Amino acid sequence: MVKLGVTPDEIVHVSASPKYDLRTAATIGIKNKVYMDRGFEHDEHWLDYKRITDIADLPVLLGLPRHDTR
């Protein structure tokens, strides 16, 4: 994250895979994690992420208005 010029708390990692992506993000210290639940993997709540089922909800988590893509 040094190459990005940010600290781990300034990054939001969004993934549809708690098992592969969100575990790794947690291991390297990324605090802000979002699980885009498509119904293919089990929740791993111990990773401390926010769960969404519609990508249009992501801006709301970031304090922005929801933008429906439908």
PDB file of N, CA and C in Angstrom:
ATOM      1  N   MET A   1       0.812  -1.179   0.000  1.00  0.00           N
ATOM      2  CA  MET A   1       0.000   0.000   0.000  1.00  0.00           C
ATOM      3  C   MET A   1       0.859   1.247   0.000  1.00  0.00           C
ATOM      4  N   VAL A   2       2.132   1.045   0.271  1.00  0.00           N
ATOM      5  CA  VAL A   2       3.055   2.168   0.204  1.00  0.00           C
ATOM      6  C   VAL A   2       3.084   2.721  -1.220  1.00  0.00           C
ATOM      7  N   LYS A   3       3.028   1.836  -2.220  1.00  0.00           N
ATOM      8  CA  LYS A   3       3.042   2.283  -3.609  1.00  0.00           C
ATOM      9  C   LYS A   3       1.823   3.116  -3.959  1.00  0.00           C
ATOM     10  N   LEU A   4       0.727   2.877  -3.276  1.00  0.00           N
ATOM     11  CA  LEU A   4      -0.489   3.649  -3.522  1.00  0.00           C
ATOM     12  C   LEU A   4      -0.476   4.985  -2.791  1.00  0.00           C
ATOM     13  N   GLY A   5       0.377   5.107  -1.800  1.00  0.00           N
ATOM     14  CA  GLY A   5       0.442   6.338  -1.035  1.00  0.00           C
ATOM     15  C   GLY A   5      -0.709   6.501  -0.059  1.00  0.00           C
ATOM     16  N   VAL A   6      -1.282   5.392   0.380  1.00  0.00           N
ATOM     17  CA  VAL A   6      -2.395   5.431   1.323  1.00  0.00           C
ATOM     18  C   VAL A   6      -2.133   4.438   2.455  1.00  0.00           C
ATOM     19  N   THR A   7      -2.899   4.605   3.533  1.00  0.00           N
ATOM     20  CA  THR A   7      -2.821   3.661   4.637  1.00  0.00           C
ATOM     21  C   THR A   7      -3.943   2.634   4.479  1.00  0.00           C
ATOM     22  N   PRO A   8      -3.835   1.480   5.155  1.00  0.00           N
ATOM     23  CA  PRO A   8      -4.866   0.447   5.012  1.00  0.00           C
ATOM     24  C   PRO A   8      -6.284   0.917   5.344  1.00  0.00           C
ATOM     25  N   ASP A   9      -6.421   1.900   6.224  1.00  0.00           N
ATOM     26  CA  ASP A   9      -7.765   2.378   6.571  1.00  0.00           C
ATOM     27  C   ASP A   9      -8.345   3.340   5.523  1.00  0.00           C
ATOM     28  N   GLU A  10      -7.571   3.686   4.502  1.00  0.00           N
ATOM     29  CA  GLU A  10      -8.053   4.553   3.423  1.00  0.00           C
ATOM     30  C   GLU A  10      -8.486   3.761   2.187  1.00  0.00           C
ATOM     31  N   ILE A  11      -8.449   2.442   2.283  1.00  0.00           N
ATOM     32  CA  ILE A  11      -8.793   1.570   1.162  1.00  0.00           C
ATOM     33  C   ILE A  11     -10.114   0.865   1.456  1.00  0.00           C
ATOM     34  N   VAL A  12     -10.936   0.693   0.425  1.00  0.00           N
ATOM     35  CA  VAL A  12     -12.140  -0.127   0.524  1.00  0.00           C
ATOM     36  C   VAL A  12     -11.960  -1.268  -0.475  1.00  0.00           C
ATOM     37  N   HIS A  13     -11.964  -2.491   0.054  1.00  0.00           N
ATOM     38  CA  HIS A  13     -11.824  -3.670  -0.811  1.00  0.00           C
ATOM     39  C   HIS A  13     -13.201  -4.302  -0.982  1.00  0.00           C
ATOM     40  N   VAL A  14     -13.655  -4.416  -2.227  1.00  0.00           N
ATOM     41  CA  VAL A  14     -14.959  -4.986  -2.540  1.00  0.00           C
ATOM     42  C   VAL A  14     -14.731  -6.302  -3.272  1.00  0.00           C
ATOM     43  N   SER A  15     -15.418  -7.356  -2.824  1.00  0.00           N
ATOM     44  CA  SER A  15     -15.207  -8.663  -3.419  1.00  0.00           C
ATOM     45  C   SER A  15     -16.444  -9.530  -3.292  1.00  0.00           C
ATOM     46  N   ALA A  16     -16.577 -10.494  -4.192  1.00  0.00           N
ATOM     47  CA  ALA A  16     -17.642 -11.491  -4.118  1.00  0.00           C
ATOM     48  C   ALA A  16     -17.131 -12.783  -3.496  1.00  0.00           C
ATOM     49  N   SER A  17     -15.905 -12.761  -2.950  1.00  0.00           N
ATOM     50  CA  SER A  17     -15.327 -13.969  -2.370  1.00  0.00           C
ATOM     51  C   SER A  17     -14.675 -13.704  -1.018  1.00  0.00           C
ATOM     52  N   PRO A  18     -15.397 -14.004   0.071  1.00  0.00           N
ATOM     53  CA  PRO A  18     -14.765 -13.871   1.380  1.00  0.00           C
ATOM     54  C   PRO A  18     -13.589 -14.825   1.517  1.00  0.00           C
ATOM     55  N   LYS A  19     -13.750 -16.024   0.997  1.00  0.00           N
ATOM     56  CA  LYS A  19     -12.728 -17.060   1.166  1.00  0.00           C
ATOM     57  C   LYS A  19     -11.394 -16.667   0.532  1.00  0.00           C
ATOM     58  N   TYR A  20     -11.420 -16.140  -0.655  1.00  0.00           N
ATOM     59  CA  TYR A  20     -10.165 -15.863  -1.358  1.00  0.00           C
ATOM     60  C   TYR A  20      -9.717 -14.410  -1.268  1.00  0.00           C
ATOM     61  N   ASP A  21     -10.612 -13.463  -1.470  1.00  0.00           N
ATOM     62  CA  ASP A  21     -10.207 -12.060  -1.506  1.00  0.00           C
ATOM     63  C   ASP A  21     -10.266 -11.368  -0.149  1.00  0.00           C
ATOM     64  N   LEU A  22     -11.373 -11.514   0.565  1.00  0.00           N
ATOM     65  CA  LEU A  22     -11.528 -10.766   1.806  1.00  0.00           C
ATOM     66  C   LEU A  22     -10.620 -11.286   2.913  1.00  0.00           C
ATOM     67  N   ARG A  23     -10.324 -12.575   2.911  1.00  0.00           N
ATOM     68  CA  ARG A  23      -9.338 -13.097   3.883  1.00  0.00           C
ATOM     69  C   ARG A  23      -7.979 -12.446   3.660  1.00  0.00           C
ATOM     70  N   THR A  24      -7.574 -12.376   2.401  1.00  0.00           N
ATOM     71  CA  THR A  24      -6.281 -11.763   2.066  1.00  0.00           C
ATOM     72  C   THR A  24      -6.274 -10.286   2.429  1.00  0.00           C
ATOM     73  N   ALA A  25      -7.351  -9.586   2.126  1.00  0.00           N
ATOM     74  CA  ALA A  25      -7.435  -8.167   2.473  1.00  0.00           C
ATOM     75  C   ALA A  25      -7.290  -7.978   3.982  1.00  0.00           C
ATOM     76  N   ALA A  26      -7.938  -8.829   4.758  1.00  0.00           N
ATOM     77  CA  ALA A  26      -7.835  -8.744   6.219  1.00  0.00           C
ATOM     78  C   ALA A  26      -6.405  -9.017   6.673  1.00  0.00           C
ATOM     79  N   THR A  27      -5.766  -9.986   6.056  1.00  0.00           N
ATOM     80  CA  THR A  27      -4.395 -10.354   6.427  1.00  0.00           C
ATOM     81  C   THR A  27      -3.418  -9.205   6.205  1.00  0.00           C
ATOM     82  N   ILE A  28      -3.607  -8.441   5.139  1.00  0.00           N
ATOM     83  CA  ILE A  28      -2.675  -7.341   4.874  1.00  0.00           C
ATOM     84  C   ILE A  28      -3.091  -6.034   5.548  1.00  0.00           C
ATOM     85  N   GLY A  29      -4.175  -6.101   6.337  1.00  0.00           N
ATOM     86  CA  GLY A  29      -4.530  -4.954   7.170  1.00  0.00           C
ATOM     87  C   GLY A  29      -5.594  -4.024   6.639  1.00  0.00           C
ATOM     88  N   ILE A  30      -6.251  -4.382   5.542  1.00  0.00           N
ATOM     89  CA  ILE A  30      -7.318  -3.531   5.028  1.00  0.00           C
ATOM     90  C   ILE A  30      -8.514  -3.638   5.972  1.00  0.00           C
ATOM     91  N   LYS A  31      -8.940  -2.520   6.494  1.00  0.00           N
ATOM     92  CA  LYS A  31     -10.023  -2.476   7.481  1.00  0.00           C
ATOM     93  C   LYS A  31     -11.408  -2.430   6.848  1.00  0.00           C
ATOM     94  N   ASN A  32     -11.547  -1.710   5.738  1.00  0.00           N
ATOM     95  CA  ASN A  32     -12.841  -1.487   5.096  1.00  0.00           C
ATOM     96  C   ASN A  32     -13.053  -2.515   3.987  1.00  0.00           C
ATOM     97  N   LYS A  33     -13.890  -3.517   4.302  1.00  0.00           N
ATOM     98  CA  LYS A  33     -14.140  -4.591   3.355  1.00  0.00           C
ATOM     99  C   LYS A  33     -15.639  -4.719   3.102  1.00  0.00           C
ATOM    100  N   VAL A  34     -15.996  -4.980   1.849  1.00  0.00           N
ATOM    101  CA  VAL A  34     -17.398  -5.145   1.463  1.00  0.00           C
ATOM    102  C   VAL A  34     -17.529  -6.466   0.720  1.00  0.00           C
ATOM    103  N   TYR A  35     -18.493  -7.274   1.175  1.00  0.00           N
ATOM    104  CA  TYR A  35     -18.782  -8.543   0.531  1.00  0.00           C
ATOM    105  C   TYR A  35     -19.990  -8.375  -0.369  1.00  0.00           C
ATOM    106  N   MET A  36     -19.806  -8.518  -1.670  1.00  0.00           N
ATOM    107  CA  MET A  36     -20.887  -8.478  -2.646  1.00  0.00           C
ATOM    108  C   MET A  36     -21.423  -9.905  -2.750  1.00  0.00           C
ATOM    109  N   ASP A  37     -22.447 -10.188  -1.958  1.00  0.00           N
ATOM    110  CA  ASP A  37     -22.979 -11.544  -1.827  1.00  0.00           C
ATOM    111  C   ASP A  37     -23.856 -11.892  -3.025  1.00  0.00           C
ATOM    112  N   ARG A  38     -23.373 -12.808  -3.845  1.00  0.00           N
ATOM    113  CA  ARG A  38     -24.124 -13.279  -5.011  1.00  0.00           C
ATOM    114  C   ARG A  38     -24.756 -14.641  -4.751  1.00  0.00           C
ATOM    115  N   GLY A  39     -24.589 -15.134  -3.516  1.00  0.00           N
ATOM    116  CA  GLY A  39     -25.205 -16.397  -3.136  1.00  0.00           C
ATOM    117  C   GLY A  39     -24.380 -17.628  -3.445  1.00  0.00           C
ATOM    118  N   PHE A  40     -23.110 -17.455  -3.795  1.00  0.00           N
ATOM    119  CA  PHE A  40     -22.268 -18.597  -4.146  1.00  0.00           C
ATOM    120  C   PHE A  40     -21.342 -19.049  -3.027  1.00  0.00           C
ATOM    121  N   GLU A  41     -21.083 -18.188  -2.051  1.00  0.00           N
ATOM    122  CA  GLU A  41     -20.157 -18.527  -0.972  1.00  0.00           C
ATOM    123  C   GLU A  41     -20.805 -18.250   0.378  1.00  0.00           C
ATOM    124  N   HIS A  42     -20.276 -18.894   1.395  1.00  0.00           N
ATOM    125  CA  HIS A  42     -20.777 -18.708   2.753  1.00  0.00           C
ATOM    126  C   HIS A  42     -20.208 -17.430   3.357  1.00  0.00           C
ATOM    127  N   ASP A  43     -21.014 -16.796   4.198  1.00  0.00           N
ATOM    128  CA  ASP A  43     -20.534 -15.633   4.944  1.00  0.00           C
ATOM    129  C   ASP A  43     -19.416 -16.061   5.884  1.00  0.00           C
ATOM    130  N   GLU A  44     -18.444 -15.206   6.037  1.00  0.00           N
ATOM    131  CA  GLU A  44     -17.367 -15.406   7.011  1.00  0.00           C
ATOM    132  C   GLU A  44     -17.306 -14.139   7.853  1.00  0.00           C
ATOM    133  N   HIS A  45     -18.296 -14.009   8.752  1.00  0.00           N
ATOM    134  CA  HIS A  45     -18.485 -12.784   9.533  1.00  0.00           C
ATOM    135  C   HIS A  45     -17.244 -12.373  10.326  1.00  0.00           C
ATOM    136  N   TRP A  46     -16.429 -13.322  10.699  1.00  0.00           N
ATOM    137  CA  TRP A  46     -15.235 -13.014  11.487  1.00  0.00           C
ATOM    138  C   TRP A  46     -14.275 -12.095  10.736  1.00  0.00           C
ATOM    139  N   LEU A  47     -14.466 -11.938   9.419  1.00  0.00           N
ATOM    140  CA  LEU A  47     -13.609 -11.051   8.630  1.00  0.00           C
ATOM    141  C   LEU A  47     -14.007  -9.584   8.765  1.00  0.00           C
ATOM    142  N   ASP A  48     -15.124  -9.318   9.428  1.00  0.00           N
ATOM    143  CA  ASP A  48     -15.571  -7.953   9.711  1.00  0.00           C
ATOM    144  C   ASP A  48     -15.737  -7.116   8.444  1.00  0.00           C
ATOM    145  N   TYR A  49     -16.689  -7.514   7.614  1.00  0.00           N
ATOM    146  CA  TYR A  49     -16.996  -6.783   6.400  1.00  0.00           C
ATOM    147  C   TYR A  49     -18.463  -6.365   6.400  1.00  0.00           C
ATOM    148  N   LYS A  50     -18.795  -5.443   5.523  1.00  0.00           N
ATOM    149  CA  LYS A  50     -20.188  -5.076   5.275  1.00  0.00           C
ATOM    150  C   LYS A  50     -20.676  -5.966   4.138  1.00  0.00           C
ATOM    151  N   ARG A  51     -21.917  -6.428   4.215  1.00  0.00           N
ATOM    152  CA  ARG A  51     -22.479  -7.323   3.209  1.00  0.00           C
ATOM    153  C   ARG A  51     -23.545  -6.594   2.400  1.00  0.00           C
ATOM    154  N   ILE A  52     -23.433  -6.676   1.067  1.00  0.00           N
ATOM    155  CA  ILE A  52     -24.454  -6.131   0.180  1.00  0.00           C
ATOM    156  C   ILE A  52     -24.847  -7.221  -0.821  1.00  0.00           C
ATOM    157  N   THR A  53     -26.036  -7.103  -1.381  1.00  0.00           N
ATOM    158  CA  THR A  53     -26.469  -8.057  -2.405  1.00  0.00           C
ATOM    159  C   THR A  53     -26.723  -7.363  -3.742  1.00  0.00           C
ATOM    160  N   ASP A  54     -26.577  -6.059  -3.753  1.00  0.00           N
ATOM    161  CA  ASP A  54     -26.772  -5.272  -4.973  1.00  0.00           C
ATOM    162  C   ASP A  54     -25.650  -4.234  -5.021  1.00  0.00           C
ATOM    163  N   ILE A  55     -24.899  -4.227  -6.100  1.00  0.00           N
ATOM    164  CA  ILE A  55     -23.759  -3.315  -6.203  1.00  0.00           C
ATOM    165  C   ILE A  55     -24.199  -1.854  -6.129  1.00  0.00           C
ATOM    166  N   ALA A  56     -25.460  -1.575  -6.418  1.00  0.00           N
ATOM    167  CA  ALA A  56     -25.979  -0.202  -6.310  1.00  0.00           C
ATOM    168  C   ALA A  56     -25.991   0.278  -4.862  1.00  0.00           C
ATOM    169  N   ASP A  57     -25.858  -0.644  -3.903  1.00  0.00           N
ATOM    170  CA  ASP A  57     -25.799  -0.265  -2.489  1.00  0.00           C
ATOM    171  C   ASP A  57     -24.406   0.190  -2.060  1.00  0.00           C
ATOM    172  N   LEU A  58     -23.408  -0.056  -2.876  1.00  0.00           N
ATOM    173  CA  LEU A  58     -22.042   0.329  -2.507  1.00  0.00           C
ATOM    174  C   LEU A  58     -21.884   1.830  -2.272  1.00  0.00           C
ATOM    175  N   PRO A  59     -22.380   2.698  -3.144  1.00  0.00           N
ATOM    176  CA  PRO A  59     -22.238   4.135  -2.877  1.00  0.00           C
ATOM    177  C   PRO A  59     -22.846   4.549  -1.534  1.00  0.00           C
ATOM    178  N   VAL A  60     -23.944   3.919  -1.148  1.00  0.00           N
ATOM    179  CA  VAL A  60     -24.600   4.245   0.125  1.00  0.00           C
ATOM    180  C   VAL A  60     -23.655   3.954   1.290  1.00  0.00           C
ATOM    181  N   LEU A  61     -22.938   2.827   1.220  1.00  0.00           N
ATOM    182  CA  LEU A  61     -21.957   2.514   2.271  1.00  0.00           C
ATOM    183  C   LEU A  61     -20.853   3.560   2.342  1.00  0.00           C
ATOM    184  N   LEU A  62     -20.585   4.201   1.221  1.00  0.00           N
ATOM    185  CA  LEU A  62     -19.524   5.212   1.156  1.00  0.00           C
ATOM    186  C   LEU A  62     -20.050   6.621   1.409  1.00  0.00           C
ATOM    187  N   GLY A  63     -21.337   6.717   1.758  1.00  0.00           N
ATOM    188  CA  GLY A  63     -21.925   8.019   2.071  1.00  0.00           C
ATOM    189  C   GLY A  63     -22.411   8.790   0.865  1.00  0.00           C
ATOM    190  N   LEU A  64     -22.619   8.100  -0.245  1.00  0.00           N
ATOM    191  CA  LEU A  64     -23.087   8.725  -1.471  1.00  0.00           C
ATOM    192  C   LEU A  64     -24.507   8.262  -1.768  1.00  0.00           C
ATOM    193  N   PRO A  65     -25.221   8.935  -2.662  1.00  0.00           N
ATOM    194  CA  PRO A  65     -26.569   8.481  -2.986  1.00  0.00           C
ATOM    195  C   PRO A  65     -26.541   7.194  -3.815  1.00  0.00           C
ATOM    196  N   ARG A  66     -27.578   6.406  -3.641  1.00  0.00           N
ATOM    197  CA  ARG A  66     -27.725   5.171  -4.399  1.00  0.00           C
ATOM    198  C   ARG A  66     -28.023   5.511  -5.866  1.00  0.00           C
ATOM    199  N   HIS A  67     -27.398   4.787  -6.749  1.00  0.00           N
ATOM    200  CA  HIS A  67     -27.646   4.972  -8.185  1.00  0.00           C
ATOM    201  C   HIS A  67     -28.115   3.642  -8.748  1.00  0.00           C
ATOM    202  N   ASP A  68     -29.402   3.544  -9.048  1.00  0.00           N
ATOM    203  CA  ASP A  68     -29.932   2.302  -9.601  1.00  0.00           C
ATOM    204  C   ASP A  68     -29.516   2.162 -11.065  1.00  0.00           C
ATOM    205  N   THR A  69     -29.059   0.961 -11.385  1.00  0.00           N
ATOM    206  CA  THR A  69     -28.605   0.701 -12.736  1.00  0.00           C
ATOM    207  C   THR A  69     -29.665   0.015 -13.568  1.00  0.00           C
ATOM    208  N   ARG A  70     -30.837  -0.199 -12.982  1.00  0.00           N
ATOM    209  CA  ARG A  70     -31.903  -0.899 -13.712  1.00  0.00           C
ATOM    210  C   ARG A  70     -32.677   0.024 -14.590  1.00  0.00           C
TER     211      ARG A  70
END
